[in-house]
Amino acid sequence: MQGILIVDKPMDWTSFDVVAKLRGVLGTRKLGHSGTLDPMATGVLPVFCGGASKAVDLQLDHDKAYRAVLRLGQRTDTGDITGTVLETAPVTAGERELRAVLPQFVGKQMQVPPMYSAVKINGQPLYKLAREGVTVERKARPIEIYGIEYGGSPAENEYVLTVRCSKGTYIRTLCADIGEALGCGGCMQALRRTQAGEYTIAEAVPLQQLLESPEPETYLR
């Protein structure tokens, strides 16, 4: 059994949880995923099965697209709403001000990985250090944001952004940086990956559908 499953990852599952569950469903341990998604994030998670698992490293280099919700007026230690609130501030910016600052975040730039990330320092994932209350210096890494499109405001102080970017881009960090540029702080309210390389959300199969299918292998590409 080999091929690629384009999974629509549900909220509150880690990428590892998805792979572990699919190992039992597909009856094979030869599975790997590319482009880790945080538990709060949903969307496209390519899972490579059998001989295709050798292609995981190649998939990591592909560009991504996300639909994010930015919440203004709140800064957290994780950069998203799952973290501890570090600071709140009155929101004096609105749609016009947000649209005005977005262009400055488009293009090639250097981004510092957040402490709550899987980036390793001396073999230790940053998120494990962060949970112990340890903060270490991180080197900024080159990324590129190809475009940010404004998508409306679903609630007060919340704004939808569609982001097309290179590998290694942290949308949580982007949201925090946009909030800082607007002078009121910000964090990520929600995140959905709509594309990973050539794989899109339109072809992704909800995880629950795979788990309930009598023949999940039929979804392999």
Protein backbone atom coordinates (compact mmCIF):
# COMPACT_ATOMS: atom_id res chain seq x y z
CA MET A 1 0.00 0.00 0.00
CA GLN A 2 1.52 3.29 -1.05
CA GLY A 3 0.46 6.75 -2.10
CA ILE A 4 -0.50 10.10 -0.62
CA LEU A 5 -3.53 10.94 1.50
CA ILE A 6 -4.56 14.60 1.46
CA VAL A 7 -6.10 14.87 4.92
CA ASP A 8 -8.26 17.73 6.15
CA LYS A 9 -6.93 17.85 9.72
CA PRO A 10 -9.54 18.68 12.37
CA MET A 11 -9.02 21.05 15.28
CA ASP A 12 -7.48 19.75 18.53
CA TRP A 13 -5.52 16.98 16.77
CA THR A 14 -1.74 17.13 16.46
CA SER A 15 -0.23 16.11 13.13
CA PHE A 16 1.36 13.17 14.95
CA ASP A 17 -2.08 12.12 16.28
CA VAL A 18 -3.40 12.00 12.72
CA VAL A 19 -0.54 9.81 11.50
CA ALA A 20 -0.80 7.50 14.52
CA LYS A 21 -4.52 6.99 13.95
CA LEU A 22 -4.07 6.36 10.23
CA ARG A 23 -1.40 3.73 10.93
CA GLY A 24 -4.06 1.64 12.61
CA VAL A 25 -6.68 2.32 9.96
CA LEU A 26 -4.40 1.55 7.01
CA GLY A 27 -2.55 -1.28 8.73
CA THR A 28 0.94 0.04 8.06
CA ARG A 29 3.60 1.88 10.04
CA LYS A 30 5.19 3.36 6.93
CA LEU A 31 3.51 6.75 7.18
CA GLY A 32 4.88 10.26 7.35
CA HIS A 33 3.43 13.75 7.12
CA SER A 34 4.79 17.03 5.83
CA GLY A 35 4.27 20.53 7.17
CA THR A 36 3.26 20.19 10.81
CA LEU A 37 0.03 21.93 11.84
CA ASP A 38 -0.62 23.17 15.37
CA PRO A 39 -3.48 21.42 17.23
CA MET A 40 -5.69 24.53 16.88
CA ALA A 41 -5.12 24.67 13.12
CA THR A 42 -7.15 22.79 10.52
CA GLY A 43 -6.73 22.02 6.85
CA VAL A 44 -4.40 20.39 4.35
CA LEU A 45 -2.04 17.80 5.83
CA PRO A 46 -0.37 15.54 3.23
CA VAL A 47 0.27 12.06 4.64
CA PHE A 48 2.68 9.83 2.72
CA CYS A 49 2.11 6.09 2.82
CA GLY A 50 4.48 3.20 2.07
CA GLY A 51 7.19 3.93 -0.48
CA ALA A 52 5.80 7.45 -0.93
CA SER A 53 6.98 8.29 2.59
CA LYS A 54 10.45 8.79 1.11
CA ALA A 55 9.13 11.94 -0.59
CA VAL A 56 8.23 13.70 2.69
CA ASP A 57 11.44 15.75 2.76
CA LEU A 58 10.78 17.04 -0.76
CA GLN A 59 7.28 18.17 0.16
CA LEU A 60 8.63 20.32 3.01
CA ASP A 61 10.08 22.77 0.48
CA HIS A 62 6.73 23.67 -1.03
CA ASP A 63 4.86 26.93 -0.62
CA LYS A 64 1.74 27.18 1.54
CA ALA A 65 -1.52 29.14 1.69
CA TYR A 66 -3.55 29.88 4.80
CA ARG A 67 -6.79 31.50 5.90
CA ALA A 68 -6.14 33.15 9.25
CA VAL A 69 -8.20 35.23 11.65
CA LEU A 70 -6.30 38.04 13.35
CA ARG A 71 -7.54 39.30 16.71
CA LEU A 72 -6.40 42.80 17.62
CA GLY A 73 -5.94 44.17 21.13
CA GLN A 74 -4.43 41.09 22.71
CA ARG A 75 -0.88 39.75 22.89
CA THR A 76 -0.13 36.20 24.12
CA ASP A 77 2.98 34.17 24.85
CA THR A 78 2.21 31.72 22.03
CA GLY A 79 1.08 34.27 19.44
CA ASP A 80 -2.39 32.69 19.33
CA ILE A 81 -5.47 32.52 21.55
CA THR A 82 -4.40 29.25 23.17
CA GLY A 83 -1.64 31.02 25.07
CA THR A 84 -1.43 33.10 28.23
CA VAL A 85 -2.46 36.72 27.71
CA LEU A 86 0.55 38.95 28.28
CA GLU A 87 -1.04 42.28 27.45
CA THR A 88 -4.33 43.81 26.35
CA ALA A 89 -4.77 47.22 24.77
CA PRO A 90 -7.60 49.33 23.42
CA VAL A 91 -8.02 48.82 19.66
CA THR A 92 -7.74 52.14 17.86
CA ALA A 93 -7.17 50.65 14.40
CA GLY A 94 -9.80 49.35 12.00
CA GLU A 95 -10.11 48.00 8.49
CA ARG A 96 -8.57 51.05 6.85
CA GLU A 97 -5.50 51.02 9.07
CA LEU A 98 -5.10 47.27 8.69
CA ARG A 99 -5.25 47.43 4.91
CA ALA A 100 -2.66 50.20 4.99
CA VAL A 101 -0.03 48.16 6.89
CA LEU A 102 -0.46 44.82 5.12
CA PRO A 103 1.78 45.68 2.12
CA GLN A 104 4.78 46.15 4.40
CA PHE A 105 4.61 42.47 5.34
CA VAL A 106 4.69 41.23 1.75
CA GLY A 107 7.99 40.15 0.20
CA LYS A 108 11.26 38.60 1.34
CA GLN A 109 12.04 39.17 5.00
CA MET A 110 13.56 37.72 8.14
CA GLN A 111 11.26 36.17 10.74
CA VAL A 112 12.12 35.00 14.24
CA PRO A 113 10.51 31.61 15.04
CA PRO A 114 8.20 31.74 18.09
CA MET A 115 9.23 29.96 21.29
CA TYR A 116 6.17 27.75 20.93
CA SER A 117 7.37 26.00 17.77
CA ALA A 118 8.99 22.72 16.73
CA VAL A 119 12.26 24.43 15.78
CA LYS A 120 15.14 22.71 17.58
CA ILE A 121 17.95 24.42 19.46
CA ASN A 122 20.76 22.02 20.42
CA GLY A 123 18.43 19.13 19.65
CA GLN A 124 15.66 20.40 21.94
CA PRO A 125 12.33 21.58 20.46
CA LEU A 126 11.61 25.18 21.43
CA TYR A 127 8.09 24.40 22.63
CA LYS A 128 9.46 22.04 25.31
CA LEU A 129 11.73 24.79 26.63
CA ALA A 130 8.86 27.28 26.50
CA ARG A 131 6.66 24.99 28.62
CA GLU A 132 9.44 25.00 31.22
CA GLY A 133 9.41 28.79 31.25
CA VAL A 134 12.73 29.01 29.42
CA THR A 135 13.23 31.57 26.66
CA VAL A 136 16.26 31.28 24.40
CA GLU A 137 17.62 33.50 21.67
CA ARG A 138 16.40 32.49 18.20
CA LYS A 139 17.98 33.44 14.93
CA ALA A 140 15.78 35.13 12.36
CA ARG A 141 15.24 32.99 9.28
CA PRO A 142 14.55 34.04 5.69
CA ILE A 143 10.95 33.66 4.53
CA GLU A 144 8.86 35.17 1.78
CA ILE A 145 5.23 36.23 1.88
CA TYR A 146 3.88 36.37 -1.66
CA GLY A 147 0.60 38.03 -0.83
CA ILE A 148 -1.87 38.93 1.93
CA GLU A 149 -5.51 39.47 1.05
CA TYR A 150 -8.01 41.06 3.39
CA GLY A 151 -11.17 38.96 3.76
CA GLY A 152 -13.51 40.91 6.00
CA SER A 153 -14.31 41.17 9.70
CA PRO A 154 -16.42 38.33 11.20
CA ALA A 155 -16.54 39.98 14.63
CA GLU A 156 -15.38 43.10 16.44
CA ASN A 157 -11.57 43.43 16.33
CA GLU A 158 -11.26 40.23 14.27
CA TYR A 159 -10.08 40.22 10.66
CA VAL A 160 -9.73 37.46 8.06
CA LEU A 161 -6.46 37.30 6.13
CA THR A 162 -5.50 34.97 3.27
CA VAL A 163 -1.74 34.48 3.24
CA ARG A 164 0.41 32.90 0.52
CA CYS A 165 3.92 32.22 1.74
CA SER A 166 7.10 30.16 1.63
CA LYS A 167 7.91 27.23 3.86
CA GLY A 168 8.91 28.07 7.41
CA THR A 169 6.56 31.04 7.72
CA TYR A 170 4.80 31.31 11.08
CA ILE A 171 1.37 32.89 10.70
CA ARG A 172 1.15 33.37 14.47
CA THR A 173 4.24 35.53 14.32
CA LEU A 174 2.83 37.43 11.35
CA CYS A 175 -0.38 38.18 13.27
CA ALA A 176 1.60 39.38 16.28
CA ASP A 177 3.79 41.58 14.08
CA ILE A 178 0.76 43.12 12.35
CA GLY A 179 -0.80 43.87 15.74
CA GLU A 180 2.42 45.52 16.88
CA ALA A 181 2.54 47.62 13.71
CA LEU A 182 -1.00 48.82 14.45
CA GLY A 183 0.00 49.80 17.98
CA CYS A 184 -2.52 47.61 19.82
CA GLY A 185 -1.04 44.13 19.72
CA GLY A 186 -2.53 41.10 18.05
CA CYS A 187 -2.68 37.32 18.03
CA MET A 188 -4.00 34.54 15.83
CA GLN A 189 -7.63 33.63 16.48
CA ALA A 190 -7.90 30.77 13.97
CA LEU A 191 -5.91 29.13 11.18
CA ARG A 192 -6.80 26.91 8.24
CA ARG A 193 -4.23 25.71 5.71
CA THR A 194 -5.84 25.80 2.30
CA GLN A 195 -2.87 24.65 0.24
CA ALA A 196 0.42 22.80 0.75
CA GLY A 197 2.47 22.62 -2.42
CA GLU A 198 0.25 21.24 -5.16
CA TYR A 199 -2.34 19.88 -2.72
CA THR A 200 -5.43 22.00 -2.02
CA ILE A 201 -8.27 21.97 0.46
CA ALA A 202 -10.67 21.12 -2.37
CA GLU A 203 -9.15 17.64 -2.65
CA ALA A 204 -8.58 17.07 1.06
CA VAL A 205 -10.58 14.35 2.81
CA PRO A 206 -11.87 15.03 6.35
CA LEU A 207 -10.10 12.78 8.83
CA GLN A 208 -13.38 11.47 10.25
CA GLN A 209 -14.43 10.37 6.76
CA LEU A 210 -11.22 8.38 6.43
CA LEU A 211 -11.68 6.78 9.83
CA GLU A 212 -15.25 5.74 9.07
CA SER A 213 -14.57 4.47 5.54
CA PRO A 214 -14.60 0.68 5.02
CA GLU A 215 -11.94 1.18 2.34
CA PRO A 216 -9.78 4.18 3.34
CA GLU A 217 -7.06 3.05 0.92
CA THR A 218 -9.32 4.15 -1.96
CA TYR A 219 -8.48 7.75 -1.04
CA LEU A 220 -4.77 7.22 -1.72
CA ARG A 221 -3.43 9.22 -4.65
